[in-house]
PDB file of N, CA and C in Angstrom:
ATOM      1  N   UNK A   1      22.214 -10.985  -7.463  1.00  0.00           N
ATOM      2  CA  UNK A   1      22.609 -10.119  -6.365  1.00  0.00           C
ATOM      3  C   UNK A   1      21.681 -10.234  -5.373  1.00  0.00           C
ATOM      4  N   UNK A   2      20.471 -10.436  -5.480  1.00  0.00           N
ATOM      5  CA  UNK A   2      19.380 -10.523  -4.477  1.00  0.00           C
ATOM      6  C   UNK A   2      19.712 -11.912  -3.802  1.00  0.00           C
ATOM      7  N   UNK A   3      20.323 -12.949  -4.367  1.00  0.00           N
ATOM      8  CA  UNK A   3      19.970 -14.197  -3.784  1.00  0.00           C
ATOM      9  C   UNK A   3      21.468 -13.986  -2.755  1.00  0.00           C
ATOM     10  N   UNK A   4      22.544 -13.284  -3.101  1.00  0.00           N
ATOM     11  CA  UNK A   4      23.391 -13.040  -1.806  1.00  0.00           C
ATOM     12  C   UNK A   4      23.017 -12.177  -1.002  1.00  0.00           C
ATOM     13  N   UNK A   5      21.921 -11.080  -1.150  1.00  0.00           N
ATOM     14  CA  UNK A   5      21.691 -10.345  -0.056  1.00  0.00           C
ATOM     15  C   UNK A   5      20.638 -11.202   0.836  1.00  0.00           C
ATOM     16  N   UNK A   6      19.929 -12.263   0.204  1.00  0.00           N
ATOM     17  CA  UNK A   6      18.917 -12.929   0.975  1.00  0.00           C
ATOM     18  C   UNK A   6      19.752 -14.011   2.080  1.00  0.00           C
ATOM     19  N   UNK A   7      20.747 -14.296   1.475  1.00  0.00           N
ATOM     20  CA  UNK A   7      21.528 -15.490   2.162  1.00  0.00           C
ATOM     21  C   UNK A   7      22.272 -14.871   3.348  1.00  0.00           C
ATOM     22  N   UNK A   8      22.632 -13.857   2.938  1.00  0.00           N
ATOM     23  CA  UNK A   8      23.470 -12.878   3.973  1.00  0.00           C
ATOM     24  C   UNK A   8      22.728 -12.484   5.262  1.00  0.00           C
ATOM     25  N   UNK A   9      21.355 -12.056   4.690  1.00  0.00           N
ATOM     26  CA  UNK A   9      20.344 -11.564   5.721  1.00  0.00           C
ATOM     27  C   UNK A   9      19.990 -12.641   6.492  1.00  0.00           C
ATOM     28  N   UNK A  10      19.586 -13.728   6.131  1.00  0.00           N
ATOM     29  CA  UNK A  10      19.339 -15.117   7.111  1.00  0.00           C
ATOM     30  C   UNK A  10      20.441 -15.567   7.870  1.00  0.00           C
ATOM     31  N   UNK A  11      21.561 -15.453   7.373  1.00  0.00           N
ATOM     32  CA  UNK A  11      22.907 -15.847   8.340  1.00  0.00           C
ATOM     33  C   UNK A  11      22.915 -14.857   9.179  1.00  0.00           C
ATOM     34  N   UNK A  12      22.843 -13.475   8.785  1.00  0.00           N
ATOM     35  CA  UNK A  12      23.025 -12.593   9.907  1.00  0.00           C
ATOM     36  C   UNK A  12      21.948 -12.539  11.270  1.00  0.00           C
ATOM     37  N   UNK A  13      20.663 -12.756  10.658  1.00  0.00           N
ATOM     38  CA  UNK A  13      19.679 -12.472  11.653  1.00  0.00           C
ATOM     39  C   UNK A  13      19.946 -14.017  12.417  1.00  0.00           C
ATOM     40  N   UNK A  14      20.033 -14.959  12.020  1.00  0.00           N
ATOM     41  CA  UNK A  14      20.154 -16.418  12.614  1.00  0.00           C
ATOM     42  C   UNK A  14      21.301 -16.196  13.871  1.00  0.00           C
ATOM     43  N   UNK A  15      22.352 -15.861  13.495  1.00  0.00           N
ATOM     44  CA  UNK A  15      23.331 -15.333  14.408  1.00  0.00           C
ATOM     45  C   UNK A  15      23.041 -14.243  15.417  1.00  0.00           C
ATOM     46  N   UNK A  16      22.054 -13.346  15.109  1.00  0.00           N
ATOM     47  CA  UNK A  16      21.704 -12.183  15.933  1.00  0.00           C
ATOM     48  C   UNK A  16      20.827 -12.989  17.034  1.00  0.00           C
ATOM     49  N   UNK A  17      19.907 -13.812  16.438  1.00  0.00           N
ATOM     50  CA  UNK A  17      18.950 -14.454  17.510  1.00  0.00           C
ATOM     51  C   UNK A  17      19.557 -16.018  18.257  1.00  0.00           C
ATOM     52  N   UNK A  18      20.789 -15.979  17.725  1.00  0.00           N
ATOM     53  CA  UNK A  18      21.463 -17.270  18.404  1.00  0.00           C
ATOM     54  C   UNK A  18      21.226 -18.565  18.057  1.00  0.00           C
ATOM     55  N   UNK A  19      20.722 -18.786  16.640  1.00  0.00           N
ATOM     56  CA  UNK A  19      20.495 -19.696  16.098  1.00  0.00           C
ATOM     57  C   UNK A  19      21.397 -20.197  15.020  1.00  0.00           C
ATOM     58  N   UNK A  20      22.066 -21.269  14.999  1.00  0.00           N
ATOM     59  CA  UNK A  20      23.281 -21.914  14.344  1.00  0.00           C
ATOM     60  C   UNK A  20      22.317 -22.545  13.056  1.00  0.00           C
ATOM     61  N   UNK A  21      23.089 -22.384  11.767  1.00  0.00           N
ATOM     62  CA  UNK A  21      22.590 -23.181  10.858  1.00  0.00           C
ATOM     63  C   UNK A  21      23.367 -24.218  10.305  1.00  0.00           C
ATOM     64  N   UNK A  22      23.009 -25.555  10.117  1.00  0.00           N
ATOM     65  CA  UNK A  22      23.658 -26.518   9.765  1.00  0.00           C
ATOM     66  C   UNK A  22      24.069 -26.303   8.184  1.00  0.00           C
ATOM     67  N   UNK A  23      25.135 -27.249   7.683  1.00  0.00           N
ATOM     68  CA  UNK A  23      25.331 -27.422   6.451  1.00  0.00           C
ATOM     69  C   UNK A  23      24.209 -27.568   5.228  1.00  0.00           C
ATOM     70  N   UNK A  24      23.526 -28.345   5.722  1.00  0.00           N
ATOM     71  CA  UNK A  24      22.502 -28.812   4.938  1.00  0.00           C
ATOM     72  C   UNK A  24      21.399 -27.693   4.790  1.00  0.00           C
ATOM     73  N   UNK A  25      21.172 -27.087   5.789  1.00  0.00           N
ATOM     74  CA  UNK A  25      20.434 -25.880   6.125  1.00  0.00           C
ATOM     75  C   UNK A  25      20.801 -25.023   5.023  1.00  0.00           C
ATOM     76  N   UNK A  26      22.150 -24.493   4.947  1.00  0.00           N
ATOM     77  CA  UNK A  26      22.830 -23.488   4.208  1.00  0.00           C
ATOM     78  C   UNK A  26      22.742 -23.768   2.910  1.00  0.00           C
ATOM     79  N   UNK A  27      22.987 -24.825   2.686  1.00  0.00           N
ATOM     80  CA  UNK A  27      22.518 -25.511   0.956  1.00  0.00           C
ATOM     81  C   UNK A  27      21.177 -25.021   0.568  1.00  0.00           C
ATOM     82  N   UNK A  28      20.230 -25.363   1.408  1.00  0.00           N
ATOM     83  CA  UNK A  28      18.737 -25.341   1.317  1.00  0.00           C
ATOM     84  C   UNK A  28      18.577 -23.815   1.422  1.00  0.00           C
ATOM     85  N   UNK A  29      19.186 -23.037   2.007  1.00  0.00           N
ATOM     86  CA  UNK A  29      18.870 -21.567   2.094  1.00  0.00           C
ATOM     87  C   UNK A  29      19.280 -20.837   0.609  1.00  0.00           C
ATOM     88  N   UNK A  30      20.447 -21.526   0.331  1.00  0.00           N
ATOM     89  CA  UNK A  30      21.293 -20.996  -1.122  1.00  0.00           C
ATOM     90  C   UNK A  30      20.138 -21.064  -2.318  1.00  0.00           C
ATOM     91  N   UNK A  31      19.496 -22.407  -2.067  1.00  0.00           N
ATOM     92  CA  UNK A  31      18.691 -22.871  -3.343  1.00  0.00           C
ATOM     93  C   UNK A  31      17.428 -22.340  -2.874  1.00  0.00           C
ATOM     94  N   UNK A  32      16.895 -22.191  -1.819  1.00  0.00           N
ATOM     95  CA  UNK A  32      15.516 -21.458  -1.636  1.00  0.00           C
ATOM     96  C   UNK A  32      15.675 -20.002  -2.221  1.00  0.00           C
ATOM     97  N   UNK A  33      16.708 -19.160  -1.634  1.00  0.00           N
ATOM     98  CA  UNK A  33      16.942 -18.035  -2.165  1.00  0.00           C
ATOM     99  C   UNK A  33      16.871 -17.783  -3.834  1.00  0.00           C
ATOM    100  N   UNK A  34      17.663 -18.810  -4.363  1.00  0.00           N
ATOM    101  CA  UNK A  34      17.715 -18.538  -5.809  1.00  0.00           C
ATOM    102  C   UNK A  34      16.341 -18.737  -6.285  1.00  0.00           C
ATOM    103  N   UNK A  35      15.607 -19.725  -5.891  1.00  0.00           N
ATOM    104  CA  UNK A  35      14.275 -20.011  -6.659  1.00  0.00           C
ATOM    105  C   UNK A  35      13.554 -18.760  -5.796  1.00  0.00           C
ATOM    106  N   UNK A  36      13.499 -18.596  -5.043  1.00  0.00           N
ATOM    107  CA  UNK A  36      12.430 -17.336  -4.704  1.00  0.00           C
ATOM    108  C   UNK A  36      12.833 -15.809  -5.239  1.00  0.00           C
ATOM    109  N   UNK A  37      14.395 -15.631  -5.530  1.00  0.00           N
ATOM    110  CA  UNK A  37      14.502 -14.506  -5.945  1.00  0.00           C
ATOM    111  C   UNK A  37      14.063 -14.152  -7.552  1.00  0.00           C
ATOM    112  N   UNK A  38      13.621 -15.196  -8.211  1.00  0.00           N
ATOM    113  CA  UNK A  38      13.045 -14.781  -9.365  1.00  0.00           C
ATOM    114  C   UNK A  38      11.393 -14.719  -9.136  1.00  0.00           C
ATOM    115  N   UNK A  39      10.813 -14.773  -8.010  1.00  0.00           N
ATOM    116  CA  UNK A  39       9.384 -14.474  -7.608  1.00  0.00           C
ATOM    117  C   UNK A  39       9.503 -13.194  -7.264  1.00  0.00           C
ATOM    118  N   UNK A  40      10.487 -12.698  -6.966  1.00  0.00           N
ATOM    119  CA  UNK A  40      10.544 -11.181  -6.213  1.00  0.00           C
ATOM    120  C   UNK A  40       9.991 -10.051  -7.204  1.00  0.00           C
ATOM    121  N   UNK A  41       9.081  -9.361  -6.606  1.00  0.00           N
ATOM    122  CA  UNK A  41       8.315  -8.312  -7.709  1.00  0.00           C
ATOM    123  C   UNK A  41       9.136  -7.126  -7.787  1.00  0.00           C
ATOM    124  N   UNK A  42       9.319  -6.421  -8.549  1.00  0.00           N
ATOM    125  CA  UNK A  42      10.395  -5.221  -8.875  1.00  0.00           C
ATOM    126  C   UNK A  42       9.440  -4.055  -8.158  1.00  0.00           C
ATOM    127  N   UNK A  43       9.117  -4.147  -7.239  1.00  0.00           N
ATOM    128  CA  UNK A  43       8.497  -2.861  -6.507  1.00  0.00           C
ATOM    129  C   UNK A  43       9.230  -2.575  -5.336  1.00  0.00           C
ATOM    130  N   UNK A  44       9.252  -1.286  -4.813  1.00  0.00           N
ATOM    131  CA  UNK A  44       9.897  -0.815  -3.534  1.00  0.00           C
ATOM    132  C   UNK A  44       9.190  -1.919  -2.526  1.00  0.00           C
ATOM    133  N   UNK A  45      10.036  -2.785  -1.628  1.00  0.00           N
ATOM    134  CA  UNK A  45       9.580  -3.510  -0.650  1.00  0.00           C
ATOM    135  C   UNK A  45       8.627  -4.916  -1.213  1.00  0.00           C
ATOM    136  N   UNK A  46       9.111  -5.206  -2.313  1.00  0.00           N
ATOM    137  CA  UNK A  46       8.641  -6.404  -2.660  1.00  0.00           C
ATOM    138  C   UNK A  46       9.380  -7.665  -2.224  1.00  0.00           C
ATOM    139  N   UNK A  47      10.717  -7.534  -1.949  1.00  0.00           N
ATOM    140  CA  UNK A  47      11.135  -8.627  -1.281  1.00  0.00           C
ATOM    141  C   UNK A  47      10.773  -8.986   0.133  1.00  0.00           C
ATOM    142  N   UNK A  48      10.066  -8.118   0.658  1.00  0.00           N
ATOM    143  CA  UNK A  48       9.831  -8.554   2.199  1.00  0.00           C
ATOM    144  C   UNK A  48       9.054  -9.890   2.146  1.00  0.00           C
ATOM    145  N   UNK A  49       8.051 -10.030   1.334  1.00  0.00           N
ATOM    146  CA  UNK A  49       7.517 -11.563   1.215  1.00  0.00           C
ATOM    147  C   UNK A  49       8.159 -12.494   1.055  1.00  0.00           C
ATOM    148  N   UNK A  50       9.562 -12.481   0.399  1.00  0.00           N
ATOM    149  CA  UNK A  50      10.569 -13.178   0.271  1.00  0.00           C
ATOM    150  C   UNK A  50      11.079 -13.487   1.590  1.00  0.00           C
ATOM    151  N   UNK A  51      11.661 -12.509   2.212  1.00  0.00           N
ATOM    152  CA  UNK A  51      12.470 -12.349   3.138  1.00  0.00           C
ATOM    153  C   UNK A  51      11.278 -13.238   4.478  1.00  0.00           C
ATOM    154  N   UNK A  52      10.321 -12.976   4.404  1.00  0.00           N
ATOM    155  CA  UNK A  52       9.741 -13.499   5.527  1.00  0.00           C
ATOM    156  C   UNK A  52       9.046 -14.923   5.629  1.00  0.00           C
ATOM    157  N   UNK A  53       9.197 -15.441   4.157  1.00  0.00           N
ATOM    158  CA  UNK A  53       8.997 -16.870   3.830  1.00  0.00           C
ATOM    159  C   UNK A  53      10.549 -17.528   4.484  1.00  0.00           C
ATOM    160  N   UNK A  54      11.701 -16.862   4.057  1.00  0.00           N
ATOM    161  CA  UNK A  54      12.877 -17.375   4.672  1.00  0.00           C
ATOM    162  C   UNK A  54      13.087 -17.745   5.987  1.00  0.00           C
ATOM    163  N   UNK A  55      12.586 -16.334   6.812  1.00  0.00           N
ATOM    164  CA  UNK A  55      12.629 -16.439   8.187  1.00  0.00           C
ATOM    165  C   UNK A  55      11.888 -17.404   8.837  1.00  0.00           C
ATOM    166  N   UNK A  56      10.695 -17.565   8.267  1.00  0.00           N
ATOM    167  CA  UNK A  56       9.926 -18.727   8.766  1.00  0.00           C
ATOM    168  C   UNK A  56      10.360 -20.209   8.344  1.00  0.00           C
ATOM    169  N   UNK A  57      10.782 -20.299   7.262  1.00  0.00           N
ATOM    170  CA  UNK A  57      11.659 -21.334   6.940  1.00  0.00           C
ATOM    171  C   UNK A  57      12.628 -21.799   8.030  1.00  0.00           C
ATOM    172  N   UNK A  58      13.388 -21.101   8.410  1.00  0.00           N
ATOM    173  CA  UNK A  58      14.414 -21.637   9.118  1.00  0.00           C
ATOM    174  C   UNK A  58      14.248 -20.991  10.786  1.00  0.00           C
ATOM    175  N   UNK A  59      13.032 -21.110  11.178  1.00  0.00           N
ATOM    176  CA  UNK A  59      12.695 -20.942  12.202  1.00  0.00           C
ATOM    177  C   UNK A  59      12.920 -19.606  13.189  1.00  0.00           C
ATOM    178  N   UNK A  60      13.167 -18.778  12.470  1.00  0.00           N
ATOM    179  CA  UNK A  60      13.613 -17.330  13.078  1.00  0.00           C
ATOM    180  C   UNK A  60      12.671 -16.295  13.567  1.00  0.00           C
ATOM    181  N   UNK A  61      12.454 -15.975  14.412  1.00  0.00           N
ATOM    182  CA  UNK A  61      11.324 -15.111  14.946  1.00  0.00           C
ATOM    183  C   UNK A  61      10.794 -13.865  14.181  1.00  0.00           C
ATOM    184  N   UNK A  62       9.722 -13.692  13.998  1.00  0.00           N
ATOM    185  CA  UNK A  62       9.104 -12.909  13.222  1.00  0.00           C
ATOM    186  C   UNK A  62       9.412 -11.430  13.440  1.00  0.00           C
ATOM    187  N   UNK A  63       9.948 -11.537  14.557  1.00  0.00           N
ATOM    188  CA  UNK A  63      10.451  -9.935  15.131  1.00  0.00           C
ATOM    189  C   UNK A  63      11.509  -9.428  14.327  1.00  0.00           C
ATOM    190  N   UNK A  64      12.561 -10.496  13.689  1.00  0.00           N
ATOM    191  CA  UNK A  64      13.741 -10.299  12.747  1.00  0.00           C
ATOM    192  C   UNK A  64      12.853  -9.235  11.653  1.00  0.00           C
ATOM    193  N   UNK A  65      11.636  -9.323  11.219  1.00  0.00           N
ATOM    194  CA  UNK A  65      11.062  -8.662  10.320  1.00  0.00           C
ATOM    195  C   UNK A  65      11.691  -6.894  10.116  1.00  0.00           C
ATOM    196  N   UNK A  66      11.534  -6.276  11.634  1.00  0.00           N
ATOM    197  CA  UNK A  66      12.069  -5.103  11.510  1.00  0.00           C
ATOM    198  C   UNK A  66      13.525  -4.650  11.041  1.00  0.00           C
ATOM    199  N   UNK A  67      14.392  -5.704  11.393  1.00  0.00           N
ATOM    200  CA  UNK A  67      15.919  -5.606  11.038  1.00  0.00           C
ATOM    201  C   UNK A  67      15.789  -5.870   9.158  1.00  0.00           C
ATOM    202  N   UNK A  68      14.773  -6.847   9.221  1.00  0.00           N
ATOM    203  CA  UNK A  68      14.692  -7.043   7.511  1.00  0.00           C
ATOM    204  C   UNK A  68      14.330  -5.845   6.647  1.00  0.00           C
ATOM    205  N   UNK A  69      13.184  -5.041   7.236  1.00  0.00           N
ATOM    206  CA  UNK A  69      12.951  -4.038   6.587  1.00  0.00           C
ATOM    207  C   UNK A  69      13.864  -2.740   6.132  1.00  0.00           C
ATOM    208  N   UNK A  70      14.730  -3.018   7.300  1.00  0.00           N
ATOM    209  CA  UNK A  70      15.933  -1.619   6.885  1.00  0.00           C
ATOM    210  C   UNK A  70      17.053  -2.238   6.076  1.00  0.00           C
ATOM    211  N   UNK A  71      17.042  -3.312   6.101  1.00  0.00           N
ATOM    212  CA  UNK A  71      18.132  -3.903   5.204  1.00  0.00           C
ATOM    213  C   UNK A  71      17.328  -4.084   3.849  1.00  0.00           C
ATOM    214  N   UNK A  72      15.986  -4.282   3.639  1.00  0.00           N
ATOM    215  CA  UNK A  72      15.526  -4.558   2.299  1.00  0.00           C
ATOM    216  C   UNK A  72      15.356  -3.107   1.703  1.00  0.00           C
ATOM    217  N   UNK A  73      15.181  -1.952   2.416  1.00  0.00           N
ATOM    218  CA  UNK A  73      15.391  -0.655   1.961  1.00  0.00           C
ATOM    219  C   UNK A  73      16.769  -0.293   1.391  1.00  0.00           C
ATOM    220  N   UNK A  74      17.762  -0.773   2.226  1.00  0.00           N
ATOM    221  CA  UNK A  74      18.976  -0.505   1.693  1.00  0.00           C
ATOM    222  C   UNK A  74      19.381  -0.758   0.370  1.00  0.00           C
ATOM    223  N   UNK A  75      18.976  -1.943   0.314  1.00  0.00           N
ATOM    224  CA  UNK A  75      19.288  -3.111  -0.783  1.00  0.00           C
ATOM    225  C   UNK A  75      18.124  -2.911  -2.136  1.00  0.00           C
ATOM    226  N   UNK A  76      16.769  -2.604  -1.651  1.00  0.00           N
ATOM    227  CA  UNK A  76      15.810  -2.639  -2.654  1.00  0.00           C
ATOM    228  C   UNK A  76      15.820  -1.283  -3.422  1.00  0.00           C
ATOM    229  N   UNK A  77      15.785   0.019  -2.953  1.00  0.00           N
ATOM    230  CA  UNK A  77      15.783   1.164  -3.164  1.00  0.00           C
ATOM    231  C   UNK A  77      16.918   1.471  -4.557  1.00  0.00           C
ATOM    232  N   UNK A  78      18.170   1.052  -4.054  1.00  0.00           N
ATOM    233  CA  UNK A  78      18.958   1.459  -5.563  1.00  0.00           C
ATOM    234  C   UNK A  78      18.680   0.573  -6.729  1.00  0.00           C
ATOM    235  N   UNK A  79      18.120  -0.618  -6.329  1.00  0.00           N
ATOM    236  CA  UNK A  79      18.067  -1.462  -7.632  1.00  0.00           C
ATOM    237  C   UNK A  79      16.902  -0.934  -8.148  1.00  0.00           C
ATOM    238  N   UNK A  80      15.773  -0.386  -7.455  1.00  0.00           N
ATOM    239  CA  UNK A  80      14.879  -0.134  -8.217  1.00  0.00           C
ATOM    240  C   UNK A  80      15.002   1.136  -8.908  1.00  0.00           C
ATOM    241  N   UNK A  81      15.806   1.938  -8.578  1.00  0.00           N
ATOM    242  CA  UNK A  81      16.303   3.253  -9.292  1.00  0.00           C
ATOM    243  C   UNK A  81      17.031   3.126 -10.708  1.00  0.00           C
ATOM    244  N   UNK A  82      18.004   1.807 -10.471  1.00  0.00           N
ATOM    245  CA  UNK A  82      18.520   1.417 -11.793  1.00  0.00           C
ATOM    246  C   UNK A  82      17.533   0.947 -12.890  1.00  0.00           C
ATOM    247  N   UNK A  83      16.518   0.018 -12.351  1.00  0.00           N
ATOM    248  CA  UNK A  83      15.720  -0.463 -13.206  1.00  0.00           C
ATOM    249  C   UNK A  83      14.799   0.710 -14.203  1.00  0.00           C
ATOM    250  N   UNK A  84      14.207   1.776 -13.087  1.00  0.00           N
ATOM    251  CA  UNK A  84      13.465   2.679 -13.334  1.00  0.00           C
ATOM    252  C   UNK A  84      14.383   3.657 -14.533  1.00  0.00           C
ATOM    253  N   UNK A  85      15.773   3.812 -14.306  1.00  0.00           N
ATOM    254  CA  UNK A  85      16.578   4.708 -15.460  1.00  0.00           C
ATOM    255  C   UNK A  85      16.408   4.040 -16.464  1.00  0.00           C
ATOM    256  N   UNK A  86      16.747   2.452 -16.397  1.00  0.00           N
ATOM    257  CA  UNK A  86      17.129   1.504 -17.569  1.00  0.00           C
ATOM    258  C   UNK A  86      15.853   1.616 -18.612  1.00  0.00           C
ATOM    259  N   UNK A  87      14.421   1.505 -17.932  1.00  0.00           N
ATOM    260  CA  UNK A  87      13.230   1.736 -18.623  1.00  0.00           C
ATOM    261  C   UNK A  87      13.160   3.127 -19.207  1.00  0.00           C
ATOM    262  N   UNK A  88      13.524   4.186 -18.622  1.00  0.00           N
ATOM    263  CA  UNK A  88      13.565   5.343 -19.187  1.00  0.00           C
ATOM    264  C   UNK A  88      14.456   5.442 -20.460  1.00  0.00           C
ATOM    265  N   UNK A  89      15.585   5.136 -20.339  1.00  0.00           N
ATOM    266  CA  UNK A  89      16.494   4.691 -21.596  1.00  0.00           C
ATOM    267  C   UNK A  89      15.954   4.207 -22.656  1.00  0.00           C
ATOM    268  N   UNK A  90      15.641   2.848 -22.268  1.00  0.00           N
ATOM    269  CA  UNK A  90      14.957   2.364 -23.350  1.00  0.00           C
ATOM    270  C   UNK A  90      13.609   3.042 -23.980  1.00  0.00           C
ATOM    271  N   UNK A  91      12.870   3.530 -23.672  1.00  0.00           N
ATOM    272  CA  UNK A  91      11.634   4.438 -24.251  1.00  0.00           C
ATOM    273  C   UNK A  91      12.375   5.752 -24.865  1.00  0.00           C
ATOM    274  N   UNK A  92      13.543   5.979 -24.588  1.00  0.00           N
ATOM    275  CA  UNK A  92      14.420   7.058 -25.182  1.00  0.00           C
ATOM    276  C   UNK A  92      14.696   6.752 -26.401  1.00  0.00           C
ATOM    277  N   UNK A  93      15.398   5.530 -26.382  1.00  0.00           N
ATOM    278  CA  UNK A  93      15.745   4.943 -27.507  1.00  0.00           C
ATOM    279  C   UNK A  93      15.328   4.562 -28.414  1.00  0.00           C
ATOM    280  N   UNK A  94      13.737   3.569 -27.990  1.00  0.00           N
ATOM    281  CA  UNK A  94      12.649   3.429 -29.039  1.00  0.00           C
ATOM    282  C   UNK A  94      12.214   4.669 -29.484  1.00  0.00           C
ATOM    283  N   UNK A  95      11.663   5.528 -28.879  1.00  0.00           N
ATOM    284  CA  UNK A  95      11.450   6.985 -29.412  1.00  0.00           C
ATOM    285  C   UNK A  95      12.364   7.520 -30.530  1.00  0.00           C
ATOM    286  N   UNK A  96      13.681   7.580 -30.462  1.00  0.00           N
ATOM    287  CA  UNK A  96      14.454   7.746 -31.420  1.00  0.00           C
ATOM    288  C   UNK A  96      14.581   6.941 -32.713  1.00  0.00           C
ATOM    289  N   UNK A  97      14.397   5.382 -32.443  1.00  0.00           N
ATOM    290  CA  UNK A  97      14.231   4.702 -33.470  1.00  0.00           C
ATOM    291  C   UNK A  97      13.085   4.991 -34.415  1.00  0.00           C
ATOM    292  N   UNK A  98      11.865   5.298 -33.729  1.00  0.00           N
ATOM    293  CA  UNK A  98      10.542   5.468 -34.396  1.00  0.00           C
ATOM    294  C   UNK A  98      10.797   6.982 -35.223  1.00  0.00           C
ATOM    295  N   UNK A  99      11.405   7.498 -34.614  1.00  0.00           N
ATOM    296  CA  UNK A  99      11.551   9.368 -35.335  1.00  0.00           C
ATOM    297  C   UNK A  99      12.235   9.168 -36.735  1.00  0.00           C
ATOM    298  N   UNK A 100      12.970   7.972 -36.711  1.00  0.00           N
ATOM    299  CA  UNK A 100      13.985   7.944 -37.777  1.00  0.00           C
ATOM    300  C   UNK A 100      13.209   7.453 -39.157  1.00  0.00           C
ATOM    301  N   UNK A 101      12.357   6.505 -38.541  1.00  0.00           N
ATOM    302  CA  UNK A 101      11.545   5.709 -39.717  1.00  0.00           C
ATOM    303  C   UNK A 101      10.685   6.827 -40.605  1.00  0.00           C
TER     304      UNK A 101
END
């Protein structure tokens, strides 16, 4: 899902700042987003480094980071909450299995 979010963000920001992306740039954007999404740390705001790299790669002004921060907050916080809840469930399941032994 992060890949789709990064692609949508860069396409939206490029439209906002009046820059058009060619087909080859769009293919490269999807590829870059896919590869960089694996490097995204699972901490709040971890995707901002990836977004900054993508903005720089496509020649978008770094003032677009302000918009990206709000987008990253809306995208990142729910996913961090889900990861934290899953980790808590894993701990409870492990605890229960250890108590049975």
